[in-house]
Amino acid sequence: MTADYDTLAKTIAALTEGETDEVALMATVTCEVHHSDDRFDWTGFYRVTEPGLLKIGPYQGGHGCLVIPFERGVCGAAARTGETQLVPDVDAFPGHIACASSTRSELVLPVRNAAGEIIAVFDIDSDQPDAFTQADADAIGAILSTVFA
C-alpha cells in the first residue's frame, strides 16, 4: 500500500481542524502518515527543545533516539539547514545516526510555525533502500505546512 496523499491531506485537515496544541497535532499527523504507507517503518517528530537540540516527540514504530544535536545525522541536517533531506541510502550519509539498524532510507522535513521558525523535524524511515521520492517530500511538506503554519 502506498500513500494516497490527497485523501491523507483531507483526513489530517479534518482531524486537526481548530487544534492549536503542537504535541496533539504532531501525534495525529504521525499516526495518520505512519499508517498510510507500507514503506514507512518509523515515523515521528523530533522537537526543537533548545537552541541546536532536537528531542523525540510523538512517533510510531520502534524506539527512536531521544536526543539529536543539530550537527548530527539526517534529522540534525534538516534542522540546521532548514532543508528537506531525502536520503536514498542512510549508510552513505556522513554522520548518519543509526537509531534503528533496520533503517535503509530516510526522509526528513523541517517543520515551521506561522512565524517561519523551525519547531521540529518530521522523520520518516524505511527499511527499504531508496524508498522515497521528491513527490513524497512535496506531498508531506504540503501537509505539514497546512497543519503547523
Protein backbone atom coordinates (compact mmCIF):
# COMPACT_ATOMS: atom_id res chain seq x y z
CA MET A 1 0.00 0.00 0.00
CA THR A 2 1.32 3.44 -0.91
CA ALA A 3 0.00 6.71 0.41
CA ASP A 4 -2.94 8.41 -1.25
CA TYR A 5 -1.76 11.91 -0.40
CA ASP A 6 -4.98 13.68 -1.41
CA THR A 7 -7.03 11.53 0.97
CA LEU A 8 -4.34 11.74 3.65
CA ALA A 9 -4.27 15.54 3.48
CA LYS A 10 -8.07 15.74 3.76
CA THR A 11 -8.15 13.28 6.68
CA ILE A 12 -5.44 15.14 8.59
CA ALA A 13 -7.12 18.51 7.90
CA ALA A 14 -10.41 17.19 9.27
CA LEU A 15 -8.80 15.62 12.35
CA THR A 16 -6.71 18.67 13.24
CA GLU A 17 -9.19 21.44 12.44
CA GLY A 18 -9.19 24.03 15.23
CA GLU A 19 -6.44 22.29 17.24
CA THR A 20 -3.57 24.54 18.35
CA ASP A 21 -1.57 22.27 20.67
CA GLU A 22 1.61 21.31 18.80
CA VAL A 23 2.05 17.94 20.51
CA ALA A 24 -1.55 16.92 19.77
CA LEU A 25 -1.05 17.96 16.14
CA MET A 26 2.23 16.03 15.92
CA ALA A 27 0.66 12.89 17.40
CA THR A 28 -2.23 12.98 14.93
CA VAL A 29 -0.04 13.65 11.88
CA THR A 30 2.38 10.90 12.90
CA CYS A 31 -0.35 8.31 13.32
CA GLU A 32 -2.08 9.11 10.05
CA VAL A 33 1.11 9.30 7.96
CA HIS A 34 2.66 6.18 9.51
CA HIS A 35 -0.36 4.01 8.73
CA SER A 36 -0.84 5.40 5.21
CA ASP A 37 2.06 3.61 3.51
CA ASP A 38 3.83 0.25 3.88
CA ARG A 39 7.19 1.90 3.17
CA PHE A 40 7.01 3.90 6.41
CA ASP A 41 8.80 1.82 9.06
CA TRP A 42 9.29 4.60 11.65
CA THR A 43 7.50 7.93 11.58
CA GLY A 44 7.78 10.77 14.05
CA PHE A 45 8.77 14.22 15.15
CA TYR A 46 11.91 15.49 16.79
CA ARG A 47 11.10 18.79 18.51
CA VAL A 48 13.45 21.76 18.90
CA THR A 49 13.60 22.00 22.70
CA GLU A 50 16.57 24.36 22.99
CA PRO A 51 18.94 26.02 20.53
CA GLY A 52 20.75 23.38 18.47
CA LEU A 53 18.96 20.42 20.07
CA LEU A 54 16.17 18.06 18.99
CA LYS A 55 14.29 15.77 21.38
CA ILE A 56 11.96 12.97 20.40
CA GLY A 57 8.29 13.82 20.10
CA PRO A 58 5.27 11.76 19.11
CA TYR A 59 6.23 8.78 16.95
CA GLN A 60 5.07 5.40 15.63
CA GLY A 61 7.38 2.41 15.28
CA GLY A 62 10.24 1.09 17.38
CA HIS A 63 12.25 3.21 19.80
CA GLY A 64 13.88 6.33 18.39
CA CYS A 65 16.88 8.32 19.54
CA LEU A 66 15.93 10.52 22.49
CA VAL A 67 18.20 13.47 21.70
CA ILE A 68 19.78 14.61 18.42
CA PRO A 69 22.08 17.64 18.19
CA PHE A 70 21.67 19.79 15.07
CA GLU A 71 25.21 18.86 13.98
CA ARG A 72 24.50 15.11 13.83
CA GLY A 73 22.60 12.88 11.46
CA VAL A 74 19.90 13.39 8.89
CA CYS A 75 17.46 14.98 11.37
CA GLY A 76 20.14 17.38 12.57
CA ALA A 77 20.92 18.35 8.97
CA ALA A 78 17.25 19.15 8.28
CA ALA A 79 17.02 21.26 11.44
CA ARG A 80 20.37 23.00 10.84
CA THR A 81 19.84 23.83 7.15
CA GLY A 82 16.06 24.19 7.10
CA GLU A 83 16.03 21.96 4.01
CA THR A 84 14.32 18.64 3.36
CA GLN A 85 16.70 15.68 3.48
CA LEU A 86 15.90 12.90 1.00
CA VAL A 87 18.39 10.12 1.70
CA PRO A 88 18.19 7.00 -0.53
CA ASP A 89 20.95 5.16 1.40
CA VAL A 90 21.49 6.11 5.05
CA ASP A 91 24.82 4.24 5.13
CA ALA A 92 26.17 6.72 2.56
CA PHE A 93 25.06 9.78 4.59
CA PRO A 94 28.01 11.28 6.51
CA GLY A 95 27.31 11.24 10.24
CA HIS A 96 24.10 9.19 9.98
CA ILE A 97 22.84 8.17 13.43
CA ALA A 98 21.59 4.59 13.43
CA CYS A 99 18.69 4.81 15.88
CA ALA A 100 17.35 1.61 14.31
CA SER A 101 19.55 -0.89 12.48
CA SER A 102 16.69 -1.69 10.09
CA THR A 103 16.64 1.82 8.54
CA ARG A 104 17.83 1.82 4.91
CA SER A 105 16.48 5.18 3.63
CA GLU A 106 15.09 8.32 5.22
CA LEU A 107 13.03 11.42 4.51
CA VAL A 108 13.26 14.31 6.98
CA LEU A 109 11.36 17.58 6.60
CA PRO A 110 11.77 20.74 8.65
CA VAL A 111 8.55 21.86 10.37
CA ARG A 112 7.93 25.60 10.66
CA ASN A 113 5.39 27.53 12.70
CA ALA A 114 3.42 30.51 11.40
CA ALA A 115 6.39 32.80 12.13
CA GLY A 116 8.62 30.64 9.92
CA GLU A 117 10.69 29.30 12.82
CA ILE A 118 11.75 25.66 12.77
CA ILE A 119 9.94 24.00 15.67
CA ALA A 120 10.67 20.37 14.75
CA VAL A 121 11.63 17.96 12.03
CA PHE A 122 9.37 15.20 10.73
CA ASP A 123 11.32 11.99 10.20
CA ILE A 124 10.17 9.02 8.13
CA ASP A 125 12.41 5.95 7.99
CA SER A 126 12.05 2.99 5.69
CA ASP A 127 13.52 -0.50 5.92
CA GLN A 128 13.67 -0.39 2.09
CA PRO A 129 16.53 1.28 0.20
CA ASP A 130 15.66 4.33 -1.92
CA ALA A 131 12.06 4.26 -0.66
CA PHE A 132 11.23 7.96 -1.00
CA THR A 133 10.74 10.31 -3.93
CA GLN A 134 10.56 14.07 -4.32
CA ALA A 135 6.80 13.60 -4.77
CA ASP A 136 6.63 12.10 -1.25
CA ALA A 137 8.61 15.04 0.12
CA ASP A 138 6.41 17.58 -1.65
CA ALA A 139 3.13 15.99 -0.55
CA ILE A 140 4.16 15.53 3.08
CA GLY A 141 5.69 19.01 3.15
CA ALA A 142 2.38 20.48 1.97
CA ILE A 143 0.52 18.64 4.75
CA LEU A 144 2.98 19.90 7.37
CA SER A 145 2.68 23.47 6.10
CA THR A 146 -1.09 23.31 6.32
CA VAL A 147 -1.12 21.87 9.85
CA PHE A 148 1.64 23.92 11.50
CA ALA A 149 1.82 27.27 9.71
